Amino acid sequence: MVKVSKMMLHYTLLFSVPIAGAYYFWDPKSDDEIRKDVETKVKPDLERRRKHQAKFAELLMPKHATSEETQKQLDQVTDFTPKHPGTRN
């Protein structure tokens, strides 16, 4: 017979019994089940959702609308052709 220390038995029971109980009673829910539960408690506001989606879509879209003054300044900075012959930019 193999001799097992009291401490080994104590820690085996101390940790394995609660873990086994947790696995036995644990019933995880899927994302769809959680979403259904939340939507039954809080009804979704479709108009508000559309506004939020439009807001974030607008933020994610690239902005090409630059003012004329800004565009002129950009053109001056990025223009590498000499404006006057014999001078540097």
PDB file of N, CA and C in Angstrom:
ATOM      1  N   MET A   1       0.838  -1.169   0.000  1.00  0.00           N
ATOM      2  CA  MET A   1       0.000   0.000   0.000  1.00  0.00           C
ATOM      3  C   MET A   1       0.893   1.247   0.000  1.00  0.00           C
ATOM      4  N   VAL A   2       0.491   2.206  -0.818  1.00  0.00           N
ATOM      5  CA  VAL A   2       1.246   3.437  -0.930  1.00  0.00           C
ATOM      6  C   VAL A   2       0.802   4.375   0.182  1.00  0.00           C
ATOM      7  N   LYS A   3       1.782   4.957   0.835  1.00  0.00           N
ATOM      8  CA  LYS A   3       1.472   5.868   1.930  1.00  0.00           C
ATOM      9  C   LYS A   3       1.284   7.274   1.354  1.00  0.00           C
ATOM     10  N   VAL A   4       0.135   7.877   1.625  1.00  0.00           N
ATOM     11  CA  VAL A   4      -0.188   9.217   1.145  1.00  0.00           C
ATOM     12  C   VAL A   4      -0.277  10.129   2.360  1.00  0.00           C
ATOM     13  N   SER A   5       0.374  11.252   2.245  1.00  0.00           N
ATOM     14  CA  SER A   5       0.396  12.160   3.390  1.00  0.00           C
ATOM     15  C   SER A   5      -0.978  12.808   3.592  1.00  0.00           C
ATOM     16  N   LYS A   6      -1.217  13.245   4.818  1.00  0.00           N
ATOM     17  CA  LYS A   6      -2.481  13.897   5.142  1.00  0.00           C
ATOM     18  C   LYS A   6      -2.623  15.207   4.371  1.00  0.00           C
ATOM     19  N   MET A   7      -1.500  15.896   4.198  1.00  0.00           N
ATOM     20  CA  MET A   7      -1.548  17.171   3.496  1.00  0.00           C
ATOM     21  C   MET A   7      -1.963  16.969   2.036  1.00  0.00           C
ATOM     22  N   MET A   8      -1.469  15.899   1.407  1.00  0.00           N
ATOM     23  CA  MET A   8      -1.829  15.604   0.019  1.00  0.00           C
ATOM     24  C   MET A   8      -3.329  15.318  -0.088  1.00  0.00           C
ATOM     25  N   LEU A   9      -3.868  14.541   0.823  1.00  0.00           N
ATOM     26  CA  LEU A   9      -5.304  14.266   0.828  1.00  0.00           C
ATOM     27  C   LEU A   9      -6.104  15.543   1.081  1.00  0.00           C
ATOM     28  N   HIS A  10      -5.633  16.329   2.025  1.00  0.00           N
ATOM     29  CA  HIS A  10      -6.337  17.562   2.370  1.00  0.00           C
ATOM     30  C   HIS A  10      -6.434  18.495   1.159  1.00  0.00           C
ATOM     31  N   TYR A  11      -5.304  18.742   0.481  1.00  0.00           N
ATOM     32  CA  TYR A  11      -5.317  19.659  -0.658  1.00  0.00           C
ATOM     33  C   TYR A  11      -6.058  19.077  -1.861  1.00  0.00           C
ATOM     34  N   THR A  12      -6.003  17.759  -2.025  1.00  0.00           N
ATOM     35  CA  THR A  12      -6.761  17.132  -3.111  1.00  0.00           C
ATOM     36  C   THR A  12      -8.252  17.353  -2.907  1.00  0.00           C
ATOM     37  N   LEU A  13      -8.721  17.124  -1.716  1.00  0.00           N
ATOM     38  CA  LEU A  13     -10.140  17.340  -1.434  1.00  0.00           C
ATOM     39  C   LEU A  13     -10.484  18.828  -1.430  1.00  0.00           C
ATOM     40  N   LEU A  14      -9.573  19.640  -0.928  1.00  0.00           N
ATOM     41  CA  LEU A  14      -9.819  21.069  -0.822  1.00  0.00           C
ATOM     42  C   LEU A  14     -10.034  21.702  -2.196  1.00  0.00           C
ATOM     43  N   PHE A  15      -9.275  21.263  -3.196  1.00  0.00           N
ATOM     44  CA  PHE A  15      -9.378  21.880  -4.515  1.00  0.00           C
ATOM     45  C   PHE A  15     -10.228  21.085  -5.503  1.00  0.00           C
ATOM     46  N   SER A  16     -10.183  19.769  -5.451  1.00  0.00           N
ATOM     47  CA  SER A  16     -10.888  18.982  -6.472  1.00  0.00           C
ATOM     48  C   SER A  16     -12.398  18.957  -6.261  1.00  0.00           C
ATOM     49  N   VAL A  17     -12.858  18.924  -5.040  1.00  0.00           N
ATOM     50  CA  VAL A  17     -14.303  18.870  -4.793  1.00  0.00           C
ATOM     51  C   VAL A  17     -14.992  20.158  -5.248  1.00  0.00           C
ATOM     52  N   PRO A  18     -14.515  21.352  -4.894  1.00  0.00           N
ATOM     53  CA  PRO A  18     -15.181  22.566  -5.399  1.00  0.00           C
ATOM     54  C   PRO A  18     -15.090  22.706  -6.920  1.00  0.00           C
ATOM     55  N   ILE A  19     -13.956  22.323  -7.497  1.00  0.00           N
ATOM     56  CA  ILE A  19     -13.819  22.424  -8.954  1.00  0.00           C
ATOM     57  C   ILE A  19     -14.769  21.451  -9.640  1.00  0.00           C
ATOM     58  N   ALA A  20     -14.877  20.233  -9.126  1.00  0.00           N
ATOM     59  CA  ALA A  20     -15.800  19.255  -9.707  1.00  0.00           C
ATOM     60  C   ALA A  20     -17.243  19.745  -9.575  1.00  0.00           C
ATOM     61  N   GLY A  21     -17.574  20.325  -8.441  1.00  0.00           N
ATOM     62  CA  GLY A  21     -18.927  20.870  -8.269  1.00  0.00           C
ATOM     63  C   GLY A  21     -19.205  22.016  -9.215  1.00  0.00           C
ATOM     64  N   ALA A  22     -18.222  22.875  -9.408  1.00  0.00           N
ATOM     65  CA  ALA A  22     -18.405  24.000 -10.328  1.00  0.00           C
ATOM     66  C   ALA A  22     -18.623  23.502 -11.752  1.00  0.00           C
ATOM     67  N   TYR A  23     -17.843  22.524 -12.193  1.00  0.00           N
ATOM     68  CA  TYR A  23     -18.028  21.983 -13.541  1.00  0.00           C
ATOM     69  C   TYR A  23     -19.379  21.282 -13.691  1.00  0.00           C
ATOM     70  N   TYR A  24     -19.835  20.642 -12.618  1.00  0.00           N
ATOM     71  CA  TYR A  24     -21.108  19.929 -12.693  1.00  0.00           C
ATOM     72  C   TYR A  24     -22.280  20.904 -12.838  1.00  0.00           C
ATOM     73  N   PHE A  25     -22.264  22.007 -12.102  1.00  0.00           N
ATOM     74  CA  PHE A  25     -23.387  22.940 -12.114  1.00  0.00           C
ATOM     75  C   PHE A  25     -23.234  24.086 -13.101  1.00  0.00           C
ATOM     76  N   TRP A  26     -22.068  24.269 -13.679  1.00  0.00           N
ATOM     77  CA  TRP A  26     -21.808  25.399 -14.569  1.00  0.00           C
ATOM     78  C   TRP A  26     -22.488  25.169 -15.903  1.00  0.00           C
ATOM     79  N   ASP A  27     -23.290  26.136 -16.323  1.00  0.00           N
ATOM     80  CA  ASP A  27     -23.997  26.050 -17.604  1.00  0.00           C
ATOM     81  C   ASP A  27     -23.749  27.350 -18.368  1.00  0.00           C
ATOM     82  N   PRO A  28     -22.689  27.394 -19.166  1.00  0.00           N
ATOM     83  CA  PRO A  28     -22.383  28.643 -19.873  1.00  0.00           C
ATOM     84  C   PRO A  28     -23.420  28.939 -20.949  1.00  0.00           C
ATOM     85  N   LYS A  29     -23.665  30.218 -21.175  1.00  0.00           N
ATOM     86  CA  LYS A  29     -24.625  30.638 -22.192  1.00  0.00           C
ATOM     87  C   LYS A  29     -23.879  31.119 -23.426  1.00  0.00           C
ATOM     88  N   SER A  30     -24.494  30.916 -24.572  1.00  0.00           N
ATOM     89  CA  SER A  30     -23.891  31.404 -25.809  1.00  0.00           C
ATOM     90  C   SER A  30     -24.185  32.898 -25.952  1.00  0.00           C
ATOM     91  N   ASP A  31     -23.506  33.532 -26.891  1.00  0.00           N
ATOM     92  CA  ASP A  31     -23.717  34.964 -27.124  1.00  0.00           C
ATOM     93  C   ASP A  31     -25.155  35.255 -27.540  1.00  0.00           C
ATOM     94  N   ASP A  32     -25.732  34.363 -28.352  1.00  0.00           N
ATOM     95  CA  ASP A  32     -27.115  34.571 -28.794  1.00  0.00           C
ATOM     96  C   ASP A  32     -28.091  34.501 -27.623  1.00  0.00           C
ATOM     97  N   GLU A  33     -27.867  33.561 -26.707  1.00  0.00           N
ATOM     98  CA  GLU A  33     -28.745  33.460 -25.540  1.00  0.00           C
ATOM     99  C   GLU A  33     -28.632  34.705 -24.657  1.00  0.00           C
ATOM    100  N   ILE A  34     -27.424  35.187 -24.477  1.00  0.00           N
ATOM    101  CA  ILE A  34     -27.224  36.395 -23.671  1.00  0.00           C
ATOM    102  C   ILE A  34     -27.892  37.585 -24.342  1.00  0.00           C
ATOM    103  N   ARG A  35     -27.737  37.703 -25.672  1.00  0.00           N
ATOM    104  CA  ARG A  35     -28.350  38.814 -26.408  1.00  0.00           C
ATOM    105  C   ARG A  35     -29.875  38.756 -26.279  1.00  0.00           C
ATOM    106  N   LYS A  36     -30.462  37.563 -26.401  1.00  0.00           N
ATOM    107  CA  LYS A  36     -31.921  37.424 -26.269  1.00  0.00           C
ATOM    108  C   LYS A  36     -32.381  37.823 -24.866  1.00  0.00           C
ATOM    109  N   ASP A  37     -31.632  37.387 -23.850  1.00  0.00           N
ATOM    110  CA  ASP A  37     -31.989  37.737 -22.469  1.00  0.00           C
ATOM    111  C   ASP A  37     -31.952  39.244 -22.251  1.00  0.00           C
ATOM    112  N   VAL A  38     -30.922  39.890 -22.771  1.00  0.00           N
ATOM    113  CA  VAL A  38     -30.793  41.340 -22.598  1.00  0.00           C
ATOM    114  C   VAL A  38     -31.888  42.066 -23.359  1.00  0.00           C
ATOM    115  N   GLU A  39     -32.181  41.614 -24.585  1.00  0.00           N
ATOM    116  CA  GLU A  39     -33.210  42.287 -25.383  1.00  0.00           C
ATOM    117  C   GLU A  39     -34.607  42.088 -24.812  1.00  0.00           C
ATOM    118  N   THR A  40     -34.841  40.999 -24.091  1.00  0.00           N
ATOM    119  CA  THR A  40     -36.149  40.842 -23.451  1.00  0.00           C
ATOM    120  C   THR A  40     -36.279  41.791 -22.264  1.00  0.00           C
ATOM    121  N   LYS A  41     -35.164  42.076 -21.593  1.00  0.00           N
ATOM    122  CA  LYS A  41     -35.210  42.996 -20.458  1.00  0.00           C
ATOM    123  C   LYS A  41     -35.219  44.449 -20.918  1.00  0.00           C
ATOM    124  N   VAL A  42     -34.406  44.757 -21.931  1.00  0.00           N
ATOM    125  CA  VAL A  42     -34.300  46.122 -22.447  1.00  0.00           C
ATOM    126  C   VAL A  42     -34.645  46.072 -23.928  1.00  0.00           C
ATOM    127  N   LYS A  43     -35.762  46.652 -24.282  1.00  0.00           N
ATOM    128  CA  LYS A  43     -36.181  46.634 -25.681  1.00  0.00           C
ATOM    129  C   LYS A  43     -35.241  47.508 -26.510  1.00  0.00           C
ATOM    130  N   PRO A  44     -34.783  47.007 -27.652  1.00  0.00           N
ATOM    131  CA  PRO A  44     -33.862  47.802 -28.473  1.00  0.00           C
ATOM    132  C   PRO A  44     -34.575  48.974 -29.139  1.00  0.00           C
ATOM    133  N   ASP A  45     -33.941  50.113 -29.111  1.00  0.00           N
ATOM    134  CA  ASP A  45     -34.460  51.315 -29.752  1.00  0.00           C
ATOM    135  C   ASP A  45     -33.828  51.399 -31.138  1.00  0.00           C
ATOM    136  N   LEU A  46     -34.597  51.037 -32.153  1.00  0.00           N
ATOM    137  CA  LEU A  46     -34.048  50.941 -33.504  1.00  0.00           C
ATOM    138  C   LEU A  46     -33.605  52.293 -34.047  1.00  0.00           C
ATOM    139  N   GLU A  47     -34.354  53.344 -33.733  1.00  0.00           N
ATOM    140  CA  GLU A  47     -33.983  54.676 -34.230  1.00  0.00           C
ATOM    141  C   GLU A  47     -32.651  55.124 -33.627  1.00  0.00           C
ATOM    142  N   ARG A  48     -32.479  54.892 -32.335  1.00  0.00           N
ATOM    143  CA  ARG A  48     -31.222  55.259 -31.669  1.00  0.00           C
ATOM    144  C   ARG A  48     -30.061  54.438 -32.229  1.00  0.00           C
ATOM    145  N   ARG A  49     -30.316  53.160 -32.479  1.00  0.00           N
ATOM    146  CA  ARG A  49     -29.279  52.298 -33.044  1.00  0.00           C
ATOM    147  C   ARG A  49     -28.856  52.795 -34.425  1.00  0.00           C
ATOM    148  N   ARG A  50     -29.823  53.205 -35.248  1.00  0.00           N
ATOM    149  CA  ARG A  50     -29.500  53.728 -36.585  1.00  0.00           C
ATOM    150  C   ARG A  50     -28.657  54.996 -36.485  1.00  0.00           C
ATOM    151  N   LYS A  51     -29.008  55.866 -35.532  1.00  0.00           N
ATOM    152  CA  LYS A  51     -28.242  57.107 -35.350  1.00  0.00           C
ATOM    153  C   LYS A  51     -26.800  56.806 -34.952  1.00  0.00           C
ATOM    154  N   HIS A  52     -26.630  55.861 -34.029  1.00  0.00           N
ATOM    155  CA  HIS A  52     -25.282  55.498 -33.597  1.00  0.00           C
ATOM    156  C   HIS A  52     -24.484  54.895 -34.747  1.00  0.00           C
ATOM    157  N   GLN A  53     -25.123  54.022 -35.516  1.00  0.00           N
ATOM    158  CA  GLN A  53     -24.418  53.413 -36.645  1.00  0.00           C
ATOM    159  C   GLN A  53     -24.036  54.457 -37.676  1.00  0.00           C
ATOM    160  N   ALA A  54     -24.926  55.414 -37.936  1.00  0.00           N
ATOM    161  CA  ALA A  54     -24.619  56.475 -38.896  1.00  0.00           C
ATOM    162  C   ALA A  54     -23.483  57.349 -38.374  1.00  0.00           C
ATOM    163  N   LYS A  55     -23.493  57.618 -37.081  1.00  0.00           N
ATOM    164  CA  LYS A  55     -22.439  58.448 -36.484  1.00  0.00           C
ATOM    165  C   LYS A  55     -21.080  57.777 -36.639  1.00  0.00           C
ATOM    166  N   PHE A  56     -20.998  56.493 -36.316  1.00  0.00           N
ATOM    167  CA  PHE A  56     -19.719  55.807 -36.412  1.00  0.00           C
ATOM    168  C   PHE A  56     -19.316  55.567 -37.857  1.00  0.00           C
ATOM    169  N   ALA A  57     -20.274  55.369 -38.743  1.00  0.00           N
ATOM    170  CA  ALA A  57     -19.943  55.233 -40.162  1.00  0.00           C
ATOM    171  C   ALA A  57     -19.359  56.536 -40.683  1.00  0.00           C
ATOM    172  N   GLU A  58     -19.916  57.654 -40.232  1.00  0.00           N
ATOM    173  CA  GLU A  58     -19.408  58.962 -40.648  1.00  0.00           C
ATOM    174  C   GLU A  58     -17.993  59.181 -40.119  1.00  0.00           C
ATOM    175  N   LEU A  59     -17.736  58.747 -38.887  1.00  0.00           N
ATOM    176  CA  LEU A  59     -16.402  58.908 -38.318  1.00  0.00           C
ATOM    177  C   LEU A  59     -15.373  58.029 -39.017  1.00  0.00           C
ATOM    178  N   LEU A  60     -15.798  56.868 -39.489  1.00  0.00           N
ATOM    179  CA  LEU A  60     -14.863  55.951 -40.135  1.00  0.00           C
ATOM    180  C   LEU A  60     -14.588  56.305 -41.589  1.00  0.00           C
ATOM    181  N   MET A  61     -15.471  57.059 -42.204  1.00  0.00           N
ATOM    182  CA  MET A  61     -15.268  57.407 -43.610  1.00  0.00           C
ATOM    183  C   MET A  61     -14.140  58.426 -43.733  1.00  0.00           C
ATOM    184  N   PRO A  62     -13.322  58.306 -44.776  1.00  0.00           N
ATOM    185  CA  PRO A  62     -12.244  59.282 -44.946  1.00  0.00           C
ATOM    186  C   PRO A  62     -12.811  60.642 -45.316  1.00  0.00           C
ATOM    187  N   LYS A  63     -12.197  61.659 -44.777  1.00  0.00           N
ATOM    188  CA  LYS A  63     -12.676  63.014 -45.045  1.00  0.00           C
ATOM    189  C   LYS A  63     -11.862  63.615 -46.183  1.00  0.00           C
ATOM    190  N   HIS A  64     -12.543  63.940 -47.258  1.00  0.00           N
ATOM    191  CA  HIS A  64     -11.896  64.558 -48.408  1.00  0.00           C
ATOM    192  C   HIS A  64     -12.277  66.027 -48.515  1.00  0.00           C
ATOM    193  N   ALA A  65     -13.076  66.474 -47.610  1.00  0.00           N
ATOM    194  CA  ALA A  65     -13.552  67.856 -47.671  1.00  0.00           C
ATOM    195  C   ALA A  65     -12.548  68.764 -46.966  1.00  0.00           C
ATOM    196  N   THR A  66     -11.657  69.370 -47.746  1.00  0.00           N
ATOM    197  CA  THR A  66     -10.729  70.351 -47.197  1.00  0.00           C
ATOM    198  C   THR A  66     -11.075  71.706 -47.778  1.00  0.00           C
ATOM    199  N   SER A  67     -10.867  72.726 -47.000  1.00  0.00           N
ATOM    200  CA  SER A  67     -11.210  74.067 -47.469  1.00  0.00           C
ATOM    201  C   SER A  67     -10.240  74.487 -48.570  1.00  0.00           C
ATOM    202  N   GLU A  68     -10.640  75.504 -49.319  1.00  0.00           N
ATOM    203  CA  GLU A  68      -9.807  75.976 -50.430  1.00  0.00           C
ATOM    204  C   GLU A  68      -8.485  76.533 -49.912  1.00  0.00           C
ATOM    205  N   GLU A  69      -8.545  77.240 -48.796  1.00  0.00           N
ATOM    206  CA  GLU A  69      -7.323  77.813 -48.230  1.00  0.00           C
ATOM    207  C   GLU A  69      -6.346  76.712 -47.818  1.00  0.00           C
ATOM    208  N   THR A  70      -6.873  75.674 -47.175  1.00  0.00           N
ATOM    209  CA  THR A  70      -6.028  74.561 -46.770  1.00  0.00           C
ATOM    210  C   THR A  70      -5.452  73.861 -47.984  1.00  0.00           C
ATOM    211  N   GLN A  71      -6.263  73.681 -49.015  1.00  0.00           N
ATOM    212  CA  GLN A  71      -5.789  73.033 -50.232  1.00  0.00           C
ATOM    213  C   GLN A  71      -4.680  73.856 -50.891  1.00  0.00           C
ATOM    214  N   LYS A  72      -4.812  75.186 -50.892  1.00  0.00           N
ATOM    215  CA  LYS A  72      -3.763  76.045 -51.461  1.00  0.00           C
ATOM    216  C   LYS A  72      -2.463  75.905 -50.671  1.00  0.00           C
ATOM    217  N   GLN A  73      -2.584  75.876 -49.350  1.00  0.00           N
ATOM    218  CA  GLN A  73      -1.389  75.721 -48.515  1.00  0.00           C
ATOM    219  C   GLN A  73      -0.724  74.373 -48.768  1.00  0.00           C
ATOM    220  N   LEU A  74      -1.528  73.335 -48.905  1.00  0.00           N
ATOM    221  CA  LEU A  74      -0.973  72.018 -49.206  1.00  0.00           C
ATOM    222  C   LEU A  74      -0.291  72.009 -50.561  1.00  0.00           C
ATOM    223  N   ASP A  75      -0.906  72.646 -51.538  1.00  0.00           N
ATOM    224  CA  ASP A  75      -0.305  72.710 -52.869  1.00  0.00           C
ATOM    225  C   ASP A  75       1.022  73.460 -52.834  1.00  0.00           C
ATOM    226  N   GLN A  76       1.087  74.535 -52.048  1.00  0.00           N
ATOM    227  CA  GLN A  76       2.334  75.292 -51.948  1.00  0.00           C
ATOM    228  C   GLN A  76       3.437  74.457 -51.303  1.00  0.00           C
ATOM    229  N   VAL A  77       3.080  73.706 -50.294  1.00  0.00           N
ATOM    230  CA  VAL A  77       4.077  72.896 -49.595  1.00  0.00           C
ATOM    231  C   VAL A  77       4.532  71.722 -50.452  1.00  0.00           C
ATOM    232  N   THR A  78       3.600  71.098 -51.145  1.00  0.00           N
ATOM    233  CA  THR A  78       3.939  69.898 -51.908  1.00  0.00           C
ATOM    234  C   THR A  78       4.339  70.190 -53.338  1.00  0.00           C
ATOM    235  N   ASP A  79       4.334  71.434 -53.755  1.00  0.00           N
ATOM    236  CA  ASP A  79       4.720  71.782 -55.120  1.00  0.00           C
ATOM    237  C   ASP A  79       6.243  71.843 -55.193  1.00  0.00           C
ATOM    238  N   PHE A  80       6.838  70.980 -56.013  1.00  0.00           N
ATOM    239  CA  PHE A  80       8.290  70.910 -56.101  1.00  0.00           C
ATOM    240  C   PHE A  80       8.838  71.552 -57.373  1.00  0.00           C
ATOM    241  N   THR A  81       8.003  72.208 -58.130  1.00  0.00           N
ATOM    242  CA  THR A  81       8.496  72.897 -59.329  1.00  0.00           C
ATOM    243  C   THR A  81       8.856  74.324 -58.955  1.00  0.00           C
ATOM    244  N   PRO A  82       9.931  74.860 -59.518  1.00  0.00           N
ATOM    245  CA  PRO A  82      10.318  76.229 -59.170  1.00  0.00           C
ATOM    246  C   PRO A  82       9.316  77.236 -59.709  1.00  0.00           C
ATOM    247  N   LYS A  83       8.941  78.188 -58.873  1.00  0.00           N
ATOM    248  CA  LYS A  83       7.979  79.205 -59.291  1.00  0.00           C
ATOM    249  C   LYS A  83       8.673  80.279 -60.120  1.00  0.00           C
ATOM    250  N   HIS A  84       9.921  80.559 -59.796  1.00  0.00           N
ATOM    251  CA  HIS A  84      10.702  81.538 -60.553  1.00  0.00           C
ATOM    252  C   HIS A  84      11.962  80.838 -61.038  1.00  0.00           C
ATOM    253  N   PRO A  85      12.278  80.976 -62.304  1.00  0.00           N
ATOM    254  CA  PRO A  85      13.487  80.309 -62.792  1.00  0.00           C
ATOM    255  C   PRO A  85      14.726  80.825 -62.066  1.00  0.00           C
ATOM    256  N   GLY A  86      15.577  79.907 -61.681  1.00  0.00           N
ATOM    257  CA  GLY A  86      16.825  80.273 -61.035  1.00  0.00           C
ATOM    258  C   GLY A  86      16.726  80.428 -59.534  1.00  0.00           C
ATOM    259  N   THR A  87      15.562  80.248 -58.943  1.00  0.00           N
ATOM    260  CA  THR A  87      15.424  80.356 -57.483  1.00  0.00           C
ATOM    261  C   THR A  87      15.046  79.000 -56.921  1.00  0.00           C
ATOM    262  N   ARG A  88      15.279  78.861 -55.652  1.00  0.00           N
ATOM    263  CA  ARG A  88      14.918  77.608 -54.981  1.00  0.00           C
ATOM    264  C   ARG A  88      13.577  77.778 -54.271  1.00  0.00           C
ATOM    265  N   ASN A  89      12.899  76.674 -54.042  1.00  0.00           N
ATOM    266  CA  ASN A  89      11.633  76.713 -53.310  1.00  0.00           C
ATOM    267  C   ASN A  89      11.882  76.865 -51.845  1.00  0.00           C
TER     268      ASN A  89
END
